[in-house]
Full PDB file with SEQRES, HELIX, SHEET, SSBOND, CRYST1, ORIGX, SCALE, CONECT and MASTER records, all heavy atoms in Angstrom:
SEQRES   1 A   40  VAL ILE LEU GLY PHE ILE LEU LEU GLY LEU SER PHE GLY          
SEQRES   2 A   40  GLN ALA SER GLY ALA VAL ALA ALA SER PHE GLY LYS GLY          
SEQRES   3 A   40  TYR ARG TYR THR ALA SER ALA VAL THR SER ASP LEU ALA          
SEQRES   4 A   40  TRP                                                          
HELIX    1 AA1 ILE A    2  ALA A   20  1                                  19    
HELIX    2 AA2 LYS A   25  ALA A   39  1                                  15    
CRYST1    1.000    1.000    1.000  90.00  90.00  90.00 P 1           1          
ORIGX1      1.000000  0.000000  0.000000        0.00000                         
ORIGX2      0.000000  1.000000  0.000000        0.00000                         
ORIGX3      0.000000  0.000000  1.000000        0.00000                         
SCALE1      1.000000  0.000000  0.000000        0.00000                         
SCALE2      0.000000  1.000000  0.000000        0.00000                         
SCALE3      0.000000  0.000000  1.000000        0.00000                         
ATOM      1  N   VAL A   1     -16.596 -30.181 -27.515  1.00  0.00           N  
ATOM      2  CA  VAL A   1     -16.131 -28.803 -27.615  1.00  0.00           C  
ATOM      3  C   VAL A   1     -17.088 -27.840 -26.910  1.00  0.00           C  
ATOM      4  O   VAL A   1     -16.655 -26.982 -26.116  1.00  0.00           O  
ATOM      5  CB  VAL A   1     -15.951 -28.400 -29.092  1.00  0.00           C  
ATOM      6  CG1 VAL A   1     -15.696 -26.899 -29.218  1.00  0.00           C  
ATOM      7  CG2 VAL A   1     -14.796 -29.180 -29.716  1.00  0.00           C  
ATOM      8  N   ILE A   2     -18.374 -27.970 -27.171  1.00  0.00           N  
ATOM      9  CA  ILE A   2     -19.354 -27.036 -26.583  1.00  0.00           C  
ATOM     10  C   ILE A   2     -19.378 -27.155 -25.064  1.00  0.00           C  
ATOM     11  O   ILE A   2     -19.295 -26.144 -24.341  1.00  0.00           O  
ATOM     12  CB  ILE A   2     -20.757 -27.289 -27.161  1.00  0.00           C  
ATOM     13  CG1 ILE A   2     -20.771 -27.085 -28.678  1.00  0.00           C  
ATOM     14  CG2 ILE A   2     -21.778 -26.360 -26.487  1.00  0.00           C  
ATOM     15  CD1 ILE A   2     -20.381 -25.709 -29.135  1.00  0.00           C  
ATOM     16  N   LEU A   3     -19.502 -28.377 -24.560  1.00  0.00           N  
ATOM     17  CA  LEU A   3     -19.535 -28.587 -23.113  1.00  0.00           C  
ATOM     18  C   LEU A   3     -18.227 -28.134 -22.469  1.00  0.00           C  
ATOM     19  O   LEU A   3     -18.217 -27.484 -21.416  1.00  0.00           O  
ATOM     20  CB  LEU A   3     -19.791 -30.069 -22.811  1.00  0.00           C  
ATOM     21  CG  LEU A   3     -19.797 -30.478 -21.333  1.00  0.00           C  
ATOM     22  CD1 LEU A   3     -20.878 -29.726 -20.572  1.00  0.00           C  
ATOM     23  CD2 LEU A   3     -20.003 -31.995 -21.202  1.00  0.00           C  
ATOM     24  N   GLY A   4     -17.128 -28.463 -23.132  1.00  0.00           N  
ATOM     25  CA  GLY A   4     -15.829 -28.081 -22.590  1.00  0.00           C  
ATOM     26  C   GLY A   4     -15.652 -26.583 -22.501  1.00  0.00           C  
ATOM     27  O   GLY A   4     -15.113 -26.067 -21.513  1.00  0.00           O  
ATOM     28  N   PHE A   5     -16.105 -25.849 -23.518  1.00  0.00           N  
ATOM     29  CA  PHE A   5     -15.935 -24.395 -23.498  1.00  0.00           C  
ATOM     30  C   PHE A   5     -16.837 -23.734 -22.463  1.00  0.00           C  
ATOM     31  O   PHE A   5     -16.493 -22.662 -21.950  1.00  0.00           O  
ATOM     32  CB  PHE A   5     -16.183 -23.809 -24.885  1.00  0.00           C  
ATOM     33  CG  PHE A   5     -14.929 -23.675 -25.707  1.00  0.00           C  
ATOM     34  CD1 PHE A   5     -14.635 -24.585 -26.698  1.00  0.00           C  
ATOM     35  CD2 PHE A   5     -14.033 -22.649 -25.459  1.00  0.00           C  
ATOM     36  CE1 PHE A   5     -13.475 -24.476 -27.447  1.00  0.00           C  
ATOM     37  CE2 PHE A   5     -12.867 -22.524 -26.193  1.00  0.00           C  
ATOM     38  CZ  PHE A   5     -12.579 -23.452 -27.200  1.00  0.00           C  
ATOM     39  N   ILE A   6     -17.964 -24.324 -22.158  1.00  0.00           N  
ATOM     40  CA  ILE A   6     -18.796 -23.781 -21.076  1.00  0.00           C  
ATOM     41  C   ILE A   6     -18.037 -23.873 -19.756  1.00  0.00           C  
ATOM     42  O   ILE A   6     -17.949 -22.897 -18.996  1.00  0.00           O  
ATOM     43  CB  ILE A   6     -20.134 -24.534 -20.990  1.00  0.00           C  
ATOM     44  CG1 ILE A   6     -20.991 -24.244 -22.227  1.00  0.00           C  
ATOM     45  CG2 ILE A   6     -20.893 -24.139 -19.722  1.00  0.00           C  
ATOM     46  CD1 ILE A   6     -22.268 -25.064 -22.295  1.00  0.00           C  
ATOM     47  N   LEU A   7     -17.479 -25.051 -19.483  1.00  0.00           N  
ATOM     48  CA  LEU A   7     -16.717 -25.233 -18.242  1.00  0.00           C  
ATOM     49  C   LEU A   7     -15.460 -24.365 -18.238  1.00  0.00           C  
ATOM     50  O   LEU A   7     -15.099 -23.782 -17.213  1.00  0.00           O  
ATOM     51  CB  LEU A   7     -16.345 -26.707 -18.085  1.00  0.00           C  
ATOM     52  CG  LEU A   7     -17.501 -27.677 -17.835  1.00  0.00           C  
ATOM     53  CD1 LEU A   7     -17.016 -29.116 -17.931  1.00  0.00           C  
ATOM     54  CD2 LEU A   7     -18.125 -27.413 -16.465  1.00  0.00           C  
ATOM     55  N   LEU A   8     -14.811 -24.282 -19.394  1.00  0.00           N  
ATOM     56  CA  LEU A   8     -13.595 -23.466 -19.482  1.00  0.00           C  
ATOM     57  C   LEU A   8     -13.900 -22.000 -19.219  1.00  0.00           C  
ATOM     58  O   LEU A   8     -13.181 -21.331 -18.468  1.00  0.00           O  
ATOM     59  CB  LEU A   8     -12.958 -23.628 -20.864  1.00  0.00           C  
ATOM     60  CG  LEU A   8     -11.733 -22.738 -21.125  1.00  0.00           C  
ATOM     61  CD1 LEU A   8     -10.590 -23.109 -20.187  1.00  0.00           C  
ATOM     62  CD2 LEU A   8     -11.287 -22.842 -22.580  1.00  0.00           C  
ATOM     63  N   GLY A   9     -14.959 -21.490 -19.816  1.00  0.00           N  
ATOM     64  CA  GLY A   9     -15.311 -20.087 -19.621  1.00  0.00           C  
ATOM     65  C   GLY A   9     -15.590 -19.760 -18.163  1.00  0.00           C  
ATOM     66  O   GLY A   9     -15.144 -18.724 -17.646  1.00  0.00           O  
ATOM     67  N   LEU A  10     -16.309 -20.646 -17.479  1.00  0.00           N  
ATOM     68  CA  LEU A  10     -16.657 -20.396 -16.082  1.00  0.00           C  
ATOM     69  C   LEU A  10     -15.423 -20.416 -15.185  1.00  0.00           C  
ATOM     70  O   LEU A  10     -15.348 -19.665 -14.204  1.00  0.00           O  
ATOM     71  CB  LEU A  10     -17.664 -21.449 -15.601  1.00  0.00           C  
ATOM     72  CG  LEU A  10     -19.050 -21.392 -16.262  1.00  0.00           C  
ATOM     73  CD1 LEU A  10     -19.918 -22.544 -15.762  1.00  0.00           C  
ATOM     74  CD2 LEU A  10     -19.737 -20.055 -15.992  1.00  0.00           C  
ATOM     75  N   SER A  11     -14.457 -21.273 -15.508  1.00  0.00           N  
ATOM     76  CA  SER A  11     -13.250 -21.363 -14.672  1.00  0.00           C  
ATOM     77  C   SER A  11     -12.181 -20.381 -15.112  1.00  0.00           C  
ATOM     78  O   SER A  11     -11.613 -19.652 -14.290  1.00  0.00           O  
ATOM     79  CB  SER A  11     -12.694 -22.787 -14.706  1.00  0.00           C  
ATOM     80  OG  SER A  11     -12.348 -23.166 -16.033  1.00  0.00           O  
ATOM     81  N   PHE A  12     -11.911 -20.324 -16.409  1.00  0.00           N  
ATOM     82  CA  PHE A  12     -10.854 -19.467 -16.930  1.00  0.00           C  
ATOM     83  C   PHE A  12     -11.180 -17.996 -16.681  1.00  0.00           C  
ATOM     84  O   PHE A  12     -10.271 -17.178 -16.469  1.00  0.00           O  
ATOM     85  CB  PHE A  12     -10.695 -19.728 -18.429  1.00  0.00           C  
ATOM     86  CG  PHE A  12      -9.528 -19.019 -19.056  1.00  0.00           C  
ATOM     87  CD1 PHE A  12      -8.232 -19.411 -18.791  1.00  0.00           C  
ATOM     88  CD2 PHE A  12      -9.730 -17.966 -19.937  1.00  0.00           C  
ATOM     89  CE1 PHE A  12      -7.158 -18.765 -19.375  1.00  0.00           C  
ATOM     90  CE2 PHE A  12      -8.675 -17.314 -20.531  1.00  0.00           C  
ATOM     91  CZ  PHE A  12      -7.375 -17.714 -20.243  1.00  0.00           C  
ATOM     92  N   GLY A  13     -12.465 -17.648 -16.678  1.00  0.00           N  
ATOM     93  CA  GLY A  13     -12.865 -16.266 -16.481  1.00  0.00           C  
ATOM     94  C   GLY A  13     -12.433 -15.688 -15.153  1.00  0.00           C  
ATOM     95  O   GLY A  13     -12.239 -14.478 -15.026  1.00  0.00           O  
ATOM     96  N   GLN A  14     -12.257 -16.546 -14.143  1.00  0.00           N  
ATOM     97  CA  GLN A  14     -11.881 -16.063 -12.812  1.00  0.00           C  
ATOM     98  C   GLN A  14     -10.532 -16.585 -12.328  1.00  0.00           C  
ATOM     99  O   GLN A  14     -10.088 -16.221 -11.238  1.00  0.00           O  
ATOM    100  CB  GLN A  14     -12.962 -16.459 -11.798  1.00  0.00           C  
ATOM    101  CG  GLN A  14     -14.307 -15.806 -12.041  1.00  0.00           C  
ATOM    102  CD  GLN A  14     -14.238 -14.294 -11.975  1.00  0.00           C  
ATOM    103  OE1 GLN A  14     -13.667 -13.729 -11.052  1.00  0.00           O  
ATOM    104  NE2 GLN A  14     -14.817 -13.621 -12.967  1.00  0.00           N  
ATOM    105  N   ALA A  15      -9.875 -17.408 -13.134  1.00  0.00           N  
ATOM    106  CA  ALA A  15      -8.636 -18.036 -12.686  1.00  0.00           C  
ATOM    107  C   ALA A  15      -7.540 -17.015 -12.398  1.00  0.00           C  
ATOM    108  O   ALA A  15      -6.896 -17.042 -11.337  1.00  0.00           O  
ATOM    109  CB  ALA A  15      -8.158 -19.052 -13.724  1.00  0.00           C  
ATOM    110  N   SER A  16      -7.321 -16.085 -13.321  1.00  0.00           N  
ATOM    111  CA  SER A  16      -6.269 -15.091 -13.117  1.00  0.00           C  
ATOM    112  C   SER A  16      -6.620 -14.125 -12.004  1.00  0.00           C  
ATOM    113  O   SER A  16      -5.739 -13.687 -11.246  1.00  0.00           O  
ATOM    114  CB  SER A  16      -6.013 -14.327 -14.425  1.00  0.00           C  
ATOM    115  OG  SER A  16      -5.469 -15.188 -15.408  1.00  0.00           O  
ATOM    116  N   GLY A  17      -7.888 -13.774 -11.884  1.00  0.00           N  
ATOM    117  CA  GLY A  17      -8.317 -12.896 -10.801  1.00  0.00           C  
ATOM    118  C   GLY A  17      -8.076 -13.525  -9.445  1.00  0.00           C  
ATOM    119  O   GLY A  17      -7.696 -12.847  -8.487  1.00  0.00           O  
ATOM    120  N   ALA A  18      -8.274 -14.841  -9.356  1.00  0.00           N  
ATOM    121  CA  ALA A  18      -8.023 -15.540  -8.096  1.00  0.00           C  
ATOM    122  C   ALA A  18      -6.547 -15.502  -7.739  1.00  0.00           C  
ATOM    123  O   ALA A  18      -6.175 -15.374  -6.572  1.00  0.00           O  
ATOM    124  CB  ALA A  18      -8.507 -16.990  -8.206  1.00  0.00           C  
ATOM    125  N   VAL A  19      -5.691 -15.610  -8.756  1.00  0.00           N  
ATOM    126  CA  VAL A  19      -4.251 -15.552  -8.506  1.00  0.00           C  
ATOM    127  C   VAL A  19      -3.852 -14.168  -8.009  1.00  0.00           C  
ATOM    128  O   VAL A  19      -3.161 -14.020  -6.999  1.00  0.00           O  
ATOM    129  CB  VAL A  19      -3.475 -15.917  -9.789  1.00  0.00           C  
ATOM    130  CG1 VAL A  19      -1.983 -15.633  -9.601  1.00  0.00           C  
ATOM    131  CG2 VAL A  19      -3.697 -17.375 -10.146  1.00  0.00           C  
ATOM    132  N   ALA A  20      -4.285 -13.115  -8.721  1.00  0.00           N  
ATOM    133  CA  ALA A  20      -3.917 -11.750  -8.345  1.00  0.00           C  
ATOM    134  C   ALA A  20      -4.415 -11.390  -6.953  1.00  0.00           C  
ATOM    135  O   ALA A  20      -3.758 -10.655  -6.214  1.00  0.00           O  
ATOM    136  CB  ALA A  20      -4.466 -10.763  -9.376  1.00  0.00           C  
ATOM    137  N   ALA A  21      -5.599 -11.922  -6.587  1.00  0.00           N  
ATOM    138  CA  ALA A  21      -6.172 -11.599  -5.283  1.00  0.00           C  
ATOM    139  C   ALA A  21      -5.397 -12.213  -4.135  1.00  0.00           C  
ATOM    140  O   ALA A  21      -5.619 -11.866  -2.974  1.00  0.00           O  
ATOM    141  CB  ALA A  21      -7.635 -12.077  -5.234  1.00  0.00           C  
ATOM    142  N   SER A  22      -4.483 -13.131  -4.433  1.00  0.00           N  
ATOM    143  CA  SER A  22      -3.723 -13.794  -3.380  1.00  0.00           C  
ATOM    144  C   SER A  22      -2.548 -12.966  -2.882  1.00  0.00           C  
ATOM    145  O   SER A  22      -1.917 -13.330  -1.888  1.00  0.00           O  
ATOM    146  CB  SER A  22      -3.197 -15.148  -3.899  1.00  0.00           C  
ATOM    147  OG  SER A  22      -4.261 -15.983  -4.285  1.00  0.00           O  
ATOM    148  N   PHE A  23      -2.233 -11.867  -3.563  1.00  0.00           N  
ATOM    149  CA  PHE A  23      -1.036 -11.110  -3.240  1.00  0.00           C  
ATOM    150  C   PHE A  23      -1.383  -9.740  -2.671  1.00  0.00           C  
ATOM    151  O   PHE A  23      -2.396  -9.136  -3.037  1.00  0.00           O  
ATOM    152  CB  PHE A  23      -0.164 -10.934  -4.485  1.00  0.00           C  
ATOM    153  CG  PHE A  23       0.157 -12.221  -5.182  1.00  0.00           C  
ATOM    154  CD1 PHE A  23      -0.237 -12.440  -6.487  1.00  0.00           C  
ATOM    155  CD2 PHE A  23       0.834 -13.222  -4.512  1.00  0.00           C  
ATOM    156  CE1 PHE A  23       0.048 -13.632  -7.127  1.00  0.00           C  
ATOM    157  CE2 PHE A  23       1.129 -14.425  -5.144  1.00  0.00           C  
ATOM    158  CZ  PHE A  23       0.734 -14.624  -6.449  1.00  0.00           C  
ATOM    159  N   GLY A  24      -0.522  -9.248  -1.794  1.00  0.00           N  
ATOM    160  CA  GLY A  24      -0.663  -7.893  -1.302  1.00  0.00           C  
ATOM    161  C   GLY A  24      -0.380  -6.899  -2.415  1.00  0.00           C  
ATOM    162  O   GLY A  24       0.324  -7.197  -3.386  1.00  0.00           O  
ATOM    163  N   LYS A  25      -0.896  -5.694  -2.293  1.00  0.00           N  
ATOM    164  CA  LYS A  25      -0.788  -4.716  -3.370  1.00  0.00           C  
ATOM    165  C   LYS A  25       0.661  -4.376  -3.718  1.00  0.00           C  
ATOM    166  O   LYS A  25       1.001  -4.182  -4.872  1.00  0.00           O  
ATOM    167  CB  LYS A  25      -1.557  -3.443  -2.984  1.00  0.00           C  
ATOM    168  CG  LYS A  25      -3.067  -3.626  -2.951  1.00  0.00           C  
ATOM    169  CD  LYS A  25      -3.767  -2.336  -2.593  1.00  0.00           C  
ATOM    170  CE  LYS A  25      -5.282  -2.502  -2.582  1.00  0.00           C  
ATOM    171  NZ  LYS A  25      -5.982  -1.251  -2.232  1.00  0.00           N  
ATOM    172  N   GLY A  26       1.516  -4.306  -2.737  1.00  0.00           N  
ATOM    173  CA  GLY A  26       2.885  -3.899  -2.997  1.00  0.00           C  
ATOM    174  C   GLY A  26       3.656  -4.861  -3.883  1.00  0.00           C  
ATOM    175  O   GLY A  26       4.589  -4.466  -4.573  1.00  0.00           O  
ATOM    176  N   TYR A  27       3.261  -6.144  -3.878  1.00  0.00           N  
ATOM    177  CA  TYR A  27       3.979  -7.152  -4.655  1.00  0.00           C  
ATOM    178  C   TYR A  27       3.111  -7.757  -5.759  1.00  0.00           C  
ATOM    179  O   TYR A  27       3.558  -8.673  -6.458  1.00  0.00           O  
ATOM    180  CB  TYR A  27       4.475  -8.278  -3.735  1.00  0.00           C  
ATOM    181  CG  TYR A  27       5.512  -7.817  -2.741  1.00  0.00           C  
ATOM    182  CD1 TYR A  27       5.150  -7.480  -1.440  1.00  0.00           C  
ATOM    183  CD2 TYR A  27       6.851  -7.709  -3.109  1.00  0.00           C  
ATOM    184  CE1 TYR A  27       6.103  -7.048  -0.526  1.00  0.00           C  
ATOM    185  CE2 TYR A  27       7.813  -7.284  -2.202  1.00  0.00           C  
ATOM    186  CZ  TYR A  27       7.434  -6.957  -0.907  1.00  0.00           C  
ATOM    187  OH  TYR A  27       8.381  -6.530  -0.007  1.00  0.00           O  
ATOM    188  N   ARG A  28       1.894  -7.250  -5.914  1.00  0.00           N  
ATOM    189  CA  ARG A  28       0.949  -7.896  -6.832  1.00  0.00           C  
ATOM    190  C   ARG A  28       1.447  -7.874  -8.267  1.00  0.00           C  
ATOM    191  O   ARG A  28       1.284  -8.850  -9.003  1.00  0.00           O  
ATOM    192  CB  ARG A  28      -0.418  -7.211  -6.735  1.00  0.00           C  
ATOM    193  CG  ARG A  28      -1.463  -7.800  -7.663  1.00  0.00           C  
ATOM    194  CD  ARG A  28      -2.818  -7.202  -7.396  1.00  0.00           C  
ATOM    195  NE  ARG A  28      -3.288  -7.575  -6.058  1.00  0.00           N  
ATOM    196  CZ  ARG A  28      -4.381  -7.080  -5.508  1.00  0.00           C  
ATOM    197  NH1 ARG A  28      -5.077  -6.160  -6.148  1.00  0.00           N  
ATOM    198  NH2 ARG A  28      -4.750  -7.465  -4.316  1.00  0.00           N  
ATOM    199  N   TYR A  29       2.044  -6.786  -8.688  1.00  0.00           N  
ATOM    200  CA  TYR A  29       2.465  -6.643 -10.084  1.00  0.00           C  
ATOM    201  C   TYR A  29       3.468  -7.732 -10.461  1.00  0.00           C  
ATOM    202  O   TYR A  29       3.279  -8.476 -11.421  1.00  0.00           O  
ATOM    203  CB  TYR A  29       3.074  -5.249 -10.284  1.00  0.00           C  
ATOM    204  CG  TYR A  29       3.565  -4.960 -11.677  1.00  0.00           C  
ATOM    205  CD1 TYR A  29       2.686  -4.511 -12.664  1.00  0.00           C  
ATOM    206  CD2 TYR A  29       4.909  -5.128 -12.010  1.00  0.00           C  
ATOM    207  CE1 TYR A  29       3.144  -4.230 -13.944  1.00  0.00           C  
ATOM    208  CE2 TYR A  29       5.365  -4.850 -13.285  1.00  0.00           C  
ATOM    209  CZ  TYR A  29       4.478  -4.405 -14.249  1.00  0.00           C  
ATOM    210  OH  TYR A  29       4.933  -4.142 -15.512  1.00  0.00           O  
ATOM    211  N   THR A  30       4.545  -7.845  -9.704  1.00  0.00           N  
ATOM    212  CA  THR A  30       5.581  -8.827 -10.018  1.00  0.00           C  
ATOM    213  C   THR A  30       5.136 -10.245  -9.685  1.00  0.00           C  
ATOM    214  O   THR A  30       5.366 -11.175 -10.464  1.00  0.00           O  
ATOM    215  CB  THR A  30       6.872  -8.496  -9.251  1.00  0.00           C  
ATOM    216  OG1 THR A  30       7.332  -7.202  -9.652  1.00  0.00           O  
ATOM    217  CG2 THR A  30       7.957  -9.523  -9.529  1.00  0.00           C  
ATOM    218  N   ALA A  31       4.491 -10.428  -8.536  1.00  0.00           N  
ATOM    219  CA  ALA A  31       4.073 -11.766  -8.123  1.00  0.00           C  
ATOM    220  C   ALA A  31       3.066 -12.362  -9.107  1.00  0.00           C  
ATOM    221  O   ALA A  31       3.123 -13.559  -9.415  1.00  0.00           O  
ATOM    222  CB  ALA A  31       3.467 -11.715  -6.723  1.00  0.00           C  
ATOM    223  N   SER A  32       2.150 -11.541  -9.611  1.00  0.00           N  
ATOM    224  CA  SER A  32       1.167 -12.034 -10.574  1.00  0.00           C  
ATOM    225  C   SER A  32       1.846 -12.473 -11.867  1.00  0.00           C  
ATOM    226  O   SER A  32       1.487 -13.498 -12.455  1.00  0.00           O  
ATOM    227  CB  SER A  32       0.130 -10.947 -10.870  1.00  0.00           C  
ATOM    228  OG  SER A  32      -0.656 -10.656  -9.738  1.00  0.00           O  
ATOM    229  N   ALA A  33       2.827 -11.699 -12.315  1.00  0.00           N  
ATOM    230  CA  ALA A  33       3.542 -12.048 -13.547  1.00  0.00           C  
ATOM    231  C   ALA A  33       4.288 -13.362 -13.384  1.00  0.00           C  
ATOM    232  O   ALA A  33       4.210 -14.250 -14.247  1.00  0.00           O  
ATOM    233  CB  ALA A  33       4.507 -10.924 -13.920  1.00  0.00           C  
ATOM    234  N   VAL A  34       5.020 -13.500 -12.292  1.00  0.00           N  
ATOM    235  CA  VAL A  34       5.800 -14.712 -12.060  1.00  0.00           C  
ATOM    236  C   VAL A  34       4.885 -15.925 -11.920  1.00  0.00           C  
ATOM    237  O   VAL A  34       5.131 -16.989 -12.504  1.00  0.00           O  
ATOM    238  CB  VAL A  34       6.673 -14.546 -10.807  1.00  0.00           C  
ATOM    239  CG1 VAL A  34       7.341 -15.871 -10.428  1.00  0.00           C  
ATOM    240  CG2 VAL A  34       7.724 -13.469 -11.035  1.00  0.00           C  
ATOM    241  N   THR A  35       3.823 -15.778 -11.140  1.00  0.00           N  
ATOM    242  CA  THR A  35       2.915 -16.892 -10.912  1.00  0.00           C  
ATOM    243  C   THR A  35       2.235 -17.328 -12.200  1.00  0.00           C  
ATOM    244  O   THR A  35       2.097 -18.524 -12.476  1.00  0.00           O  
ATOM    245  CB  THR A  35       1.853 -16.509  -9.871  1.00  0.00           C  
ATOM    246  OG1 THR A  35       2.502 -16.061  -8.680  1.00  0.00           O  
ATOM    247  CG2 THR A  35       0.962 -17.688  -9.544  1.00  0.00           C  
ATOM    248  N   SER A  36       1.797 -16.349 -12.998  1.00  0.00           N  
ATOM    249  CA  SER A  36       1.148 -16.673 -14.266  1.00  0.00           C  
ATOM    250  C   SER A  36       2.091 -17.446 -15.183  1.00  0.00           C  
ATOM    251  O   SER A  36       1.708 -18.456 -15.794  1.00  0.00           O  
ATOM    252  CB  SER A  36       0.679 -15.384 -14.949  1.00  0.00           C  
ATOM    253  OG  SER A  36       0.114 -15.651 -16.216  1.00  0.00           O  
ATOM    254  N   ASP A  37       3.335 -16.996 -15.271  1.00  0.00           N  
ATOM    255  CA  ASP A  37       4.312 -17.686 -16.125  1.00  0.00           C  
ATOM    256  C   ASP A  37       4.509 -19.129 -15.691  1.00  0.00           C  
ATOM    257  O   ASP A  37       4.496 -20.052 -16.518  1.00  0.00           O  
ATOM    258  CB  ASP A  37       5.654 -16.955 -16.081  1.00  0.00           C  
ATOM    259  CG  ASP A  37       5.606 -15.608 -16.768  1.00  0.00           C  
ATOM    260  OD1 ASP A  37       4.674 -15.373 -17.563  1.00  0.00           O  
ATOM    261  OD2 ASP A  37       6.498 -14.775 -16.500  1.00  0.00           O  
ATOM    262  N   LEU A  38       4.718 -19.333 -14.400  1.00  0.00           N  
ATOM    263  CA  LEU A  38       4.977 -20.680 -13.905  1.00  0.00           C  
ATOM    264  C   LEU A  38       3.741 -21.562 -14.003  1.00  0.00           C  
ATOM    265  O   LEU A  38       3.843 -22.776 -14.235  1.00  0.00           O  
ATOM    266  CB  LEU A  38       5.474 -20.616 -12.457  1.00  0.00           C  
ATOM    267  CG  LEU A  38       6.813 -19.892 -12.268  1.00  0.00           C  
ATOM    268  CD1 LEU A  38       7.174 -19.835 -10.787  1.00  0.00           C  
ATOM    269  CD2 LEU A  38       7.920 -20.590 -13.056  1.00  0.00           C  
ATOM    270  N   ALA A  39       2.558 -20.964 -13.847  1.00  0.00           N  
ATOM    271  CA  ALA A  39       1.325 -21.741 -13.982  1.00  0.00           C  
ATOM    272  C   ALA A  39       1.127 -22.212 -15.418  1.00  0.00           C  
ATOM    273  O   ALA A  39       0.678 -23.336 -15.671  1.00  0.00           O  
ATOM    274  CB  ALA A  39       0.131 -20.897 -13.525  1.00  0.00           C  
ATOM    275  N   TRP A  40       1.475 -21.352 -16.386  1.00  0.00           N  
ATOM    276  CA  TRP A  40       1.368 -21.756 -17.792  1.00  0.00           C  
ATOM    277  C   TRP A  40       2.348 -22.879 -18.094  1.00  0.00           C  
ATOM    278  O   TRP A  40       2.026 -23.811 -18.861  1.00  0.00           O  
ATOM    279  CB  TRP A  40       1.616 -20.571 -18.711  1.00  0.00           C  
ATOM    280  CG  TRP A  40       0.434 -19.682 -18.908  1.00  0.00           C  
ATOM    281  CD1 TRP A  40       0.283 -18.391 -18.473  1.00  0.00           C  
ATOM    282  CD2 TRP A  40      -0.780 -20.000 -19.597  1.00  0.00           C  
ATOM    283  NE1 TRP A  40      -0.945 -17.901 -18.849  1.00  0.00           N  
ATOM    284  CE2 TRP A  40      -1.614 -18.865 -19.531  1.00  0.00           C  
ATOM    285  CE3 TRP A  40      -1.243 -21.141 -20.257  1.00  0.00           C  
ATOM    286  CZ2 TRP A  40      -2.894 -18.835 -20.110  1.00  0.00           C  
ATOM    287  CZ3 TRP A  40      -2.514 -21.117 -20.826  1.00  0.00           C  
ATOM    288  CH2 TRP A  40      -3.320 -19.983 -20.752  1.00  0.00           C  
TER     289      TRP A  40                                                      
MASTER        0    0    0    2    0    0    0    6  288    1    0    4          
END                                                                             
């Protein structure tokens, strides 16, 4: 649990930011929502 949460925190902390950064501003709102849903 301890080791896993260290790795999870380091990756999960930036995972959504990496997704949002992939989209242009005009479509970021909807694209981020859709991508997050499908990724889950």
